[in-house]
Amino acid sequence: MRVRMFSRAHILQEFHLRCQSLAAKDNSGFWQKFEELNDVGKEFTTRAGNLEANREKNRYPYILPYDHSRVRLSLLDSQLHSDYINASYVPVSTLSVRLSLYVCLSIHSFIKSAVCLSAPQGGCTERDFICTQGPLRSTIADFWRMVWEQNVRIIVMVTALKQKDMVLCDEYWPMEQGTVSYGMVQVTTVSRKRRPDYFITTIHLRQHGFPVERTVTHYYYAAWPDQGVPNDLSSLCAFTEYVRQHLDTLPLLGPAVVHCSAGVGRSGTFVALLWLMQLCVRGIMPDVRAAVQDLRRHRVMMVQNLEQYILVHQCLMHWLSGGSVGPLSRVQSHAGPAHVDRGQDHPLTTSGRSGQGNPSRGRRRRQQHTPHPVQTQPQTQSSVQQLLNPRNLLRRLLPPSIHINPQKHTED
C-alpha cells in the first residue's frame, strides 16, 4: 500500500476543518491535545546537564538536554566534561524526506533503508537540526566549537538579545563587519542585510591551524516576544518559508542550529512549523500533535505552552492559504482555559542568578516550568532505540488510515 499524496488545496481544506473542531468550545480541543503531551519524554535522563561541573553552562537550571540526544563536543585536552553543551539533536526534516521517499517505495524497502534513524550518535547525517539555548558569555566558545564540529551552515535565532532588563541571549557574533576569536574559532562578519522583521548575516569561520574557511548564514528574527507570540503571522510565515527554501537548496553537510533563549519554546515552535511545511510541500497531511510529540522525545518541553501550540496551527493555515486566512480567523489564540500560562519560554531564574520581581511569583513560575524529574535509573539503550525506531516514528506521523506492516504489503 502506498501513502496517498494530497494537493495543497485539499490539505488546507482538511486542516481548516480540523482547526475549527479543535477551536470549538473555547479551544477545548487544542487544550486536550496539548495536555496529552505532558508526559512525553519523562522517561529520559538528563544526568550530564545536572553534573556539578556543567550546571553553570545552563542558562536555565531546569532546561536540560536529554542524555540520549544531547550534542557531544570533542574533549579539550582530555578535560572531563568539556564535551558538554546545552544542545540537542532534533532529527525532523530528514524524516520528512524519508516519508516522501516512502510514497514511492514499498513499506518493507523503506523500513530497511531508514534503519540509521535509530542508530547511536555519529555515522549518519539524519540529524538535520540542533536546538540549543542562547549562548551565555561563558559558553560562546563552546557554541562556535559546536558549529564548527557539526559542520553547521545555517543558524536561526528566534529571540531578541534582551527584553526590558533581562538578557535572553548574549551577543555571540560581531554585529558589524569585523573579526572576533572565540576559543579556537575565528568568527568574521562579512555582510549584514536588513529585512523588515529580521537580519541575514553572512559569517566566515576559520579554525586556528586549519586553512579551510566556511560560510555560515545567520538569521536573526527578533520580532518574536519572549512572552506570547508574534503579532503578525504573515511575518513569521514568510520568515519560516524563506529559511525552509534555503535549507532545501543546501547539500546535506550538517544540521541547522535553531535557538531562542532556553531553546525549547520558540525554537520548538519554529522547527515544528518548518517541519510541517516540508510535509505539506510533499503532499503529506500535517499532524501537529504528532510532530510536537516527536520533538519532545529529543528535547524537553519543545513547543512549551498552549499559545505556541495554537500558533503552529494558525501559521500553517495562513501559509497554506497564501495569506487568505487571517491571523485570528476561526482560531483564537487568546482564548482557552483561564489557568493556561501564556508566559515565558523559560523559568524566571537562571543558573547562578537570583529571581527577579516578586519572590513568591518567581517560585510559582519556576515550579510551573519545571520539567519532568531527573531519572535516577539509566534508560536502557534498547528502550531508547525502540522509541526512536523509524517504524514507530512512521506510526506517529502517517495518517491514521495507513497501517505499517514490514512483513506484508499490497499496492493499490
Protein backbone atom coordinates (compact mmCIF):
# COMPACT_ATOMS: atom_id res chain seq x y z
CA MET A 1 0.00 0.00 0.00
CA ARG A 2 1.26 3.47 -0.84
CA VAL A 3 0.74 6.66 1.13
CA ARG A 4 -1.73 8.92 -0.61
CA MET A 5 -0.41 12.34 -1.53
CA PHE A 6 -2.75 15.30 -1.28
CA SER A 7 -2.94 18.61 -3.12
CA ARG A 8 -2.26 21.81 -1.20
CA ALA A 9 -5.92 22.83 -1.60
CA HIS A 10 -7.09 19.53 -0.13
CA ILE A 11 -4.63 19.77 2.76
CA LEU A 12 -5.86 23.31 3.51
CA GLN A 13 -9.49 22.22 3.45
CA GLU A 14 -8.95 19.25 5.77
CA PHE A 15 -6.62 21.13 8.08
CA HIS A 16 -9.01 24.08 8.31
CA LEU A 17 -11.84 21.75 9.34
CA ARG A 18 -9.59 20.14 11.94
CA CYS A 19 -8.65 23.53 13.39
CA GLN A 20 -12.31 24.56 13.55
CA SER A 21 -13.07 21.41 15.51
CA LEU A 22 -10.15 21.96 17.91
CA ALA A 23 -11.11 25.61 18.44
CA ALA A 24 -14.72 24.80 19.35
CA LYS A 25 -15.89 25.35 22.92
CA ASP A 26 -13.23 27.84 23.90
CA ASN A 27 -10.31 25.93 22.34
CA SER A 28 -11.08 22.80 24.35
CA GLY A 29 -9.75 20.58 21.57
CA PHE A 30 -6.41 22.38 21.47
CA TRP A 31 -6.18 22.21 25.23
CA GLN A 32 -6.91 18.47 25.31
CA LYS A 33 -4.34 17.64 22.60
CA PHE A 34 -1.71 19.78 24.29
CA GLU A 35 -2.39 18.24 27.71
CA GLU A 36 -1.86 14.77 26.24
CA LEU A 37 1.76 15.71 25.61
CA ASN A 38 2.60 16.40 29.26
CA ASP A 39 4.27 13.06 29.97
CA VAL A 40 6.22 12.77 26.72
CA GLY A 41 9.93 12.38 27.44
CA LYS A 42 9.70 11.96 31.20
CA GLU A 43 11.41 8.57 30.95
CA PHE A 44 14.61 10.11 29.57
CA THR A 45 17.52 11.12 31.79
CA THR A 46 19.37 14.45 31.97
CA ARG A 47 22.35 13.36 34.06
CA ALA A 48 25.05 15.22 32.11
CA GLY A 49 23.32 18.59 32.45
CA ASN A 50 22.86 18.05 36.18
CA LEU A 51 26.51 17.39 36.90
CA GLU A 52 28.09 19.98 39.16
CA ALA A 53 30.74 20.69 36.53
CA ASN A 54 28.09 21.51 33.92
CA ARG A 55 25.41 23.39 35.84
CA GLU A 56 26.87 26.83 35.18
CA LYS A 57 26.77 26.07 31.45
CA ASN A 58 22.97 26.02 31.52
CA ARG A 59 21.17 29.31 31.02
CA TYR A 60 18.16 27.95 32.93
CA PRO A 61 18.66 25.26 35.58
CA TYR A 62 15.53 23.28 34.66
CA ILE A 63 16.03 23.24 30.88
CA LEU A 64 18.50 20.42 30.31
CA PRO A 65 19.22 18.20 27.28
CA TYR A 66 18.32 14.53 27.36
CA ASP A 67 21.36 12.29 27.63
CA HIS A 68 20.38 10.18 24.62
CA SER A 69 20.05 13.13 22.21
CA ARG A 70 22.48 15.73 23.57
CA VAL A 71 25.22 17.11 21.34
CA ARG A 72 28.64 15.96 22.46
CA LEU A 73 31.61 18.20 21.77
CA SER A 74 35.13 16.86 21.39
CA LEU A 75 37.08 16.80 24.64
CA LEU A 76 39.50 19.71 25.10
CA ASP A 77 42.93 18.47 26.22
CA SER A 78 41.21 15.39 27.67
CA GLN A 79 39.36 17.61 30.16
CA LEU A 80 36.49 15.69 31.69
CA HIS A 81 33.06 17.25 30.98
CA SER A 82 34.45 19.60 28.30
CA ASP A 83 32.20 17.74 25.86
CA TYR A 84 29.03 19.26 27.37
CA ILE A 85 26.83 21.91 25.77
CA ASN A 86 23.12 22.51 26.37
CA ALA A 87 22.06 21.43 22.88
CA SER A 88 20.05 18.56 21.43
CA TYR A 89 19.87 16.74 18.11
CA VAL A 90 16.38 17.00 16.60
CA PRO A 91 16.04 14.76 13.52
CA VAL A 92 12.93 16.12 11.85
CA SER A 93 13.08 17.30 8.26
CA THR A 94 15.17 14.35 7.05
CA LEU A 95 12.36 12.16 8.29
CA SER A 96 10.09 14.25 6.06
CA VAL A 97 12.34 13.43 3.12
CA ARG A 98 12.19 9.75 4.00
CA LEU A 99 8.43 9.96 4.22
CA SER A 100 8.41 11.39 0.72
CA LEU A 101 10.57 8.51 -0.47
CA TYR A 102 8.16 6.18 1.27
CA VAL A 103 5.43 7.38 -1.06
CA CYS A 104 7.33 5.86 -3.97
CA LEU A 105 8.76 2.79 -2.24
CA SER A 106 7.24 -0.25 -0.63
CA ILE A 107 6.94 -0.14 3.14
CA HIS A 108 9.38 -3.01 3.54
CA SER A 109 12.05 -1.33 1.40
CA PHE A 110 11.56 1.97 3.21
CA ILE A 111 11.94 0.42 6.66
CA LYS A 112 15.18 -1.26 5.63
CA SER A 113 16.57 1.96 4.17
CA ALA A 114 15.68 4.00 7.27
CA VAL A 115 17.45 1.87 9.87
CA CYS A 116 20.09 4.52 10.62
CA LEU A 117 17.38 6.83 12.02
CA SER A 118 17.58 4.79 15.25
CA ALA A 119 21.36 4.39 15.20
CA PRO A 120 23.53 5.82 18.01
CA GLN A 121 25.10 9.23 17.60
CA GLY A 122 27.60 9.58 14.80
CA GLY A 123 27.85 7.94 11.41
CA CYS A 124 24.63 9.38 9.96
CA THR A 125 23.54 12.71 8.52
CA GLU A 126 19.93 12.31 9.65
CA ARG A 127 20.15 14.88 12.44
CA ASP A 128 19.40 17.98 10.48
CA PHE A 129 18.52 20.31 13.36
CA ILE A 130 20.21 21.16 16.61
CA CYS A 131 18.11 23.06 19.14
CA THR A 132 20.07 24.87 21.80
CA GLN A 133 19.90 27.65 24.35
CA GLY A 134 21.03 31.18 23.59
CA PRO A 135 24.76 31.18 24.38
CA LEU A 136 25.95 32.53 27.71
CA ARG A 137 29.04 34.69 27.72
CA SER A 138 30.89 31.73 29.27
CA THR A 139 29.67 29.26 26.62
CA ILE A 140 30.15 31.28 23.39
CA ALA A 141 33.39 29.44 22.59
CA ASP A 142 31.59 26.10 23.08
CA PHE A 143 28.78 27.27 20.80
CA TRP A 144 31.14 28.07 17.93
CA ARG A 145 33.09 24.88 18.54
CA MET A 146 29.79 23.00 18.11
CA VAL A 147 29.01 24.91 14.90
CA TRP A 148 32.44 24.01 13.53
CA GLU A 149 32.45 20.36 14.62
CA GLN A 150 28.91 19.73 13.37
CA ASN A 151 29.60 21.49 10.04
CA VAL A 152 26.66 23.86 10.58
CA ARG A 153 25.88 26.24 7.70
CA ILE A 154 22.66 27.87 8.97
CA ILE A 155 21.91 29.41 12.38
CA VAL A 156 18.37 30.57 13.14
CA MET A 157 17.95 32.87 16.14
CA VAL A 158 14.33 33.50 17.14
CA THR A 159 14.80 35.78 20.14
CA ALA A 160 15.95 39.30 20.85
CA LEU A 161 19.18 39.67 22.81
CA LYS A 162 17.36 41.50 25.59
CA GLN A 163 13.81 42.17 26.67
CA LYS A 164 13.46 45.05 29.10
CA ASP A 165 16.23 44.44 31.64
CA MET A 166 16.53 40.71 31.10
CA VAL A 167 19.32 39.23 28.96
CA LEU A 168 17.82 36.47 26.83
CA CYS A 169 20.95 35.68 24.82
CA ASP A 170 24.50 37.02 24.96
CA GLU A 171 25.88 38.61 21.81
CA TYR A 172 27.96 35.84 20.27
CA TRP A 173 28.86 37.20 16.82
CA PRO A 174 30.18 40.54 15.50
CA MET A 175 27.17 42.70 14.72
CA GLU A 176 29.15 44.81 12.26
CA GLN A 177 31.88 43.80 9.81
CA GLY A 178 34.86 42.53 11.73
CA THR A 179 36.52 39.50 13.28
CA VAL A 180 36.35 38.09 16.81
CA SER A 181 38.01 34.91 18.07
CA TYR A 182 36.12 32.61 20.41
CA GLY A 183 38.41 29.87 21.64
CA MET A 184 39.88 28.15 18.59
CA VAL A 185 37.29 29.53 16.15
CA GLN A 186 37.67 32.85 14.33
CA VAL A 187 34.30 34.46 13.51
CA THR A 188 34.16 37.13 10.79
CA THR A 189 31.03 39.08 9.87
CA VAL A 190 31.23 39.72 6.14
CA SER A 191 27.85 41.32 5.40
CA ARG A 192 24.53 42.07 7.07
CA LYS A 193 21.25 42.54 5.23
CA ARG A 194 18.20 44.02 6.89
CA ARG A 195 14.75 42.72 6.06
CA PRO A 196 11.52 44.16 7.51
CA ASP A 197 11.48 41.77 10.50
CA TYR A 198 14.84 40.04 10.54
CA PHE A 199 18.53 40.26 9.65
CA ILE A 200 20.57 37.96 7.42
CA THR A 201 24.26 37.95 8.28
CA THR A 202 26.95 36.17 6.28
CA ILE A 203 29.68 34.85 8.56
CA HIS A 204 33.02 33.27 7.68
CA LEU A 205 34.51 30.77 10.12
CA ARG A 206 38.10 29.66 10.38
CA GLN A 207 39.57 27.35 12.97
CA HIS A 208 43.09 28.10 14.15
CA GLY A 209 45.51 25.77 12.46
CA PHE A 210 43.17 24.91 9.55
CA PRO A 211 43.37 26.67 6.16
CA VAL A 212 39.74 25.91 5.25
CA GLU A 213 37.18 28.69 5.61
CA ARG A 214 33.46 28.02 5.95
CA THR A 215 30.45 30.22 5.31
CA VAL A 216 27.55 30.32 7.76
CA THR A 217 24.28 32.19 7.23
CA HIS A 218 22.86 33.68 10.42
CA TYR A 219 19.14 34.51 10.55
CA TYR A 220 18.20 36.86 13.38
CA TYR A 221 14.43 37.15 13.93
CA ALA A 222 13.90 39.46 16.91
CA ALA A 223 10.19 40.19 16.34
CA TRP A 224 9.08 37.21 18.45
CA PRO A 225 8.49 38.44 22.01
CA ASP A 226 9.64 36.42 25.00
CA GLN A 227 6.04 36.40 26.21
CA GLY A 228 3.23 35.43 23.85
CA VAL A 229 3.51 35.06 20.10
CA PRO A 230 4.34 37.37 17.16
CA ASN A 231 1.65 39.90 16.35
CA ASP A 232 1.98 39.36 12.61
CA LEU A 233 1.55 35.77 11.44
CA SER A 234 2.48 36.67 7.87
CA SER A 235 5.87 37.88 9.10
CA LEU A 236 6.67 34.61 10.88
CA CYS A 237 5.30 32.51 7.99
CA ALA A 238 7.37 34.43 5.43
CA PHE A 239 10.49 34.11 7.58
CA THR A 240 10.00 30.37 8.11
CA GLU A 241 9.29 29.78 4.43
CA TYR A 242 12.43 31.72 3.46
CA VAL A 243 14.57 29.56 5.77
CA ARG A 244 12.84 26.40 4.54
CA GLN A 245 13.60 27.18 0.92
CA HIS A 246 17.22 27.98 1.79
CA LEU A 247 17.58 24.64 3.57
CA ASP A 248 16.15 22.84 0.56
CA THR A 249 18.90 24.27 -1.65
CA LEU A 250 21.76 23.15 0.61
CA PRO A 251 23.52 19.78 0.34
CA LEU A 252 23.39 17.55 3.42
CA LEU A 253 26.53 18.94 5.03
CA GLY A 254 25.46 19.36 8.63
CA PRO A 255 22.46 20.23 10.79
CA ALA A 256 20.98 23.70 11.11
CA VAL A 257 21.13 25.30 14.55
CA VAL A 258 17.94 26.85 15.97
CA HIS A 259 17.90 28.71 19.26
CA CYS A 260 15.87 31.18 21.28
CA SER A 261 16.69 31.82 24.93
CA ALA A 262 16.08 28.42 26.51
CA GLY A 263 15.96 26.59 23.19
CA VAL A 264 12.60 24.90 23.75
CA GLY A 265 9.59 27.23 23.38
CA ARG A 266 10.08 29.43 20.36
CA SER A 267 12.76 27.11 18.96
CA GLY A 268 10.40 24.13 19.14
CA THR A 269 7.57 26.14 17.61
CA PHE A 270 9.75 27.28 14.70
CA VAL A 271 11.07 23.78 13.99
CA ALA A 272 7.58 22.26 14.22
CA LEU A 273 6.22 24.83 11.78
CA LEU A 274 9.08 24.40 9.31
CA TRP A 275 8.88 20.59 9.53
CA LEU A 276 5.14 20.57 8.88
CA MET A 277 5.60 22.95 5.95
CA GLN A 278 8.02 20.43 4.49
CA LEU A 279 5.44 17.66 4.88
CA CYS A 280 2.75 19.76 3.19
CA VAL A 281 5.03 20.58 0.27
CA ARG A 282 5.50 16.84 -0.18
CA GLY A 283 1.74 16.27 -0.17
CA ILE A 284 1.56 14.73 3.31
CA MET A 285 -1.22 15.77 5.67
CA PRO A 286 0.27 17.59 8.70
CA ASP A 287 -0.28 16.33 12.23
CA VAL A 288 0.80 18.99 14.74
CA ARG A 289 0.35 16.83 17.81
CA ALA A 290 2.49 14.02 16.35
CA ALA A 291 5.18 16.50 15.34
CA VAL A 292 5.35 18.06 18.81
CA GLN A 293 5.35 14.62 20.40
CA ASP A 294 8.38 13.66 18.35
CA LEU A 295 10.18 16.91 19.12
CA ARG A 296 9.67 16.30 22.84
CA ARG A 297 11.33 12.90 22.55
CA HIS A 298 14.52 14.72 21.61
CA ARG A 299 14.43 17.88 23.75
CA VAL A 300 12.42 18.72 26.82
CA MET A 301 9.33 20.98 26.65
CA MET A 302 9.52 21.73 22.92
CA VAL A 303 6.58 23.97 21.96
CA GLN A 304 6.26 24.98 25.58
CA ASN A 305 2.80 26.44 26.04
CA LEU A 306 -0.70 26.25 24.62
CA GLU A 307 -0.41 29.56 22.82
CA GLN A 308 2.62 28.35 20.90
CA TYR A 309 0.84 25.09 20.09
CA ILE A 310 -2.11 27.02 18.63
CA LEU A 311 0.31 29.32 16.81
CA VAL A 312 1.66 26.38 14.79
CA HIS A 313 -1.89 25.66 13.56
CA GLN A 314 -2.56 29.32 12.81
CA CYS A 315 0.64 29.75 10.82
CA LEU A 316 0.08 26.58 8.84
CA MET A 317 -3.43 27.73 7.88
CA HIS A 318 -2.15 31.18 6.98
CA TRP A 319 0.70 29.74 4.90
CA LEU A 320 -1.39 27.06 3.17
CA SER A 321 -4.00 29.63 2.18
CA GLY A 322 -1.43 32.04 0.81
CA GLY A 323 -2.43 34.56 3.46
CA SER A 324 -6.15 34.49 2.68
CA VAL A 325 -6.94 33.03 6.11
CA GLY A 326 -6.44 35.87 8.56
CA PRO A 327 -4.24 35.58 11.66
CA LEU A 328 -7.14 35.18 14.07
CA SER A 329 -9.71 33.66 11.73
CA ARG A 330 -11.52 30.73 13.33
CA VAL A 331 -8.70 30.01 15.79
CA GLN A 332 -8.45 32.45 18.67
CA SER A 333 -5.08 32.08 20.38
CA HIS A 334 -6.07 34.32 23.29
CA ALA A 335 -8.94 32.02 24.25
CA GLY A 336 -8.67 28.86 26.30
CA PRO A 337 -8.84 27.72 29.91
CA ALA A 338 -8.14 30.51 32.36
CA HIS A 339 -5.27 28.65 34.02
CA VAL A 340 -3.17 28.38 30.87
CA ASP A 341 0.19 30.08 31.33
CA ARG A 342 0.81 32.30 28.32
CA GLY A 343 4.11 33.34 29.75
CA GLN A 344 7.77 32.94 29.05
CA ASP A 345 9.71 30.26 27.20
CA HIS A 346 11.79 29.62 30.31
CA PRO A 347 11.82 29.92 34.10
CA LEU A 348 12.35 33.38 35.55
CA THR A 349 15.53 32.33 37.32
CA THR A 350 18.76 31.35 35.65
CA SER A 351 21.78 29.33 36.59
CA GLY A 352 23.74 31.36 39.08
CA ARG A 353 21.15 34.16 39.11
CA SER A 354 18.50 35.11 41.60
CA GLY A 355 14.86 35.58 40.67
CA GLN A 356 13.55 38.97 39.74
CA GLY A 357 10.46 40.75 40.98
CA ASN A 358 8.09 39.20 43.48
CA PRO A 359 9.84 36.20 45.13
CA SER A 360 6.70 34.15 45.52
CA ARG A 361 5.77 34.82 41.90
CA GLY A 362 9.22 33.71 40.83
CA ARG A 363 8.90 30.47 42.78
CA ARG A 364 5.46 29.84 41.34
CA ARG A 365 6.62 30.30 37.75
CA ARG A 366 9.81 28.35 38.37
CA GLN A 367 7.77 25.42 39.61
CA GLN A 368 5.38 25.73 36.71
CA HIS A 369 8.18 25.44 34.16
CA THR A 370 10.00 22.61 35.93
CA PRO A 371 10.25 19.67 33.52
CA HIS A 372 9.99 16.04 34.48
CA PRO A 373 12.20 14.99 37.41
CA VAL A 374 15.63 13.63 36.59
CA GLN A 375 15.52 9.86 36.32
CA THR A 376 17.80 8.06 38.74
CA GLN A 377 17.73 4.81 36.79
CA PRO A 378 19.53 4.94 33.42
CA GLN A 379 17.38 4.47 30.35
CA THR A 380 18.35 1.28 28.55
CA GLN A 381 19.69 1.63 25.03
CA SER A 382 17.13 -0.84 23.72
CA SER A 383 14.25 1.25 25.08
CA VAL A 384 15.60 4.44 23.53
CA GLN A 385 16.13 2.73 20.19
CA GLN A 386 12.63 1.32 20.34
CA LEU A 387 11.14 4.78 20.90
CA LEU A 388 13.16 6.27 18.05
CA ASN A 389 12.71 3.29 15.73
CA PRO A 390 11.73 4.56 12.26
CA ARG A 391 8.71 2.28 12.12
CA ASN A 392 7.41 3.76 15.37
CA LEU A 393 8.06 7.26 14.05
CA LEU A 394 6.05 6.43 10.94
CA ARG A 395 3.15 5.16 13.03
CA ARG A 396 3.01 8.51 14.82
CA LEU A 397 3.36 10.66 11.72
CA LEU A 398 1.43 8.94 8.96
CA PRO A 399 -2.34 9.39 8.65
CA PRO A 400 -4.31 7.03 10.95
CA SER A 401 -5.69 5.14 7.98
CA ILE A 402 -2.24 3.92 6.95
CA HIS A 403 -1.10 0.66 8.55
CA ILE A 404 2.55 -0.31 8.60
CA ASN A 405 3.39 -3.98 8.25
CA PRO A 406 7.00 -4.61 7.19
CA GLN A 407 6.30 -8.30 6.66
CA LYS A 408 3.48 -7.90 4.14
CA HIS A 409 2.22 -5.13 1.94
CA THR A 410 -0.07 -4.64 -1.01
CA GLU A 411 -0.21 -1.95 -3.64
CA ASP A 412 -3.32 -0.11 -4.69
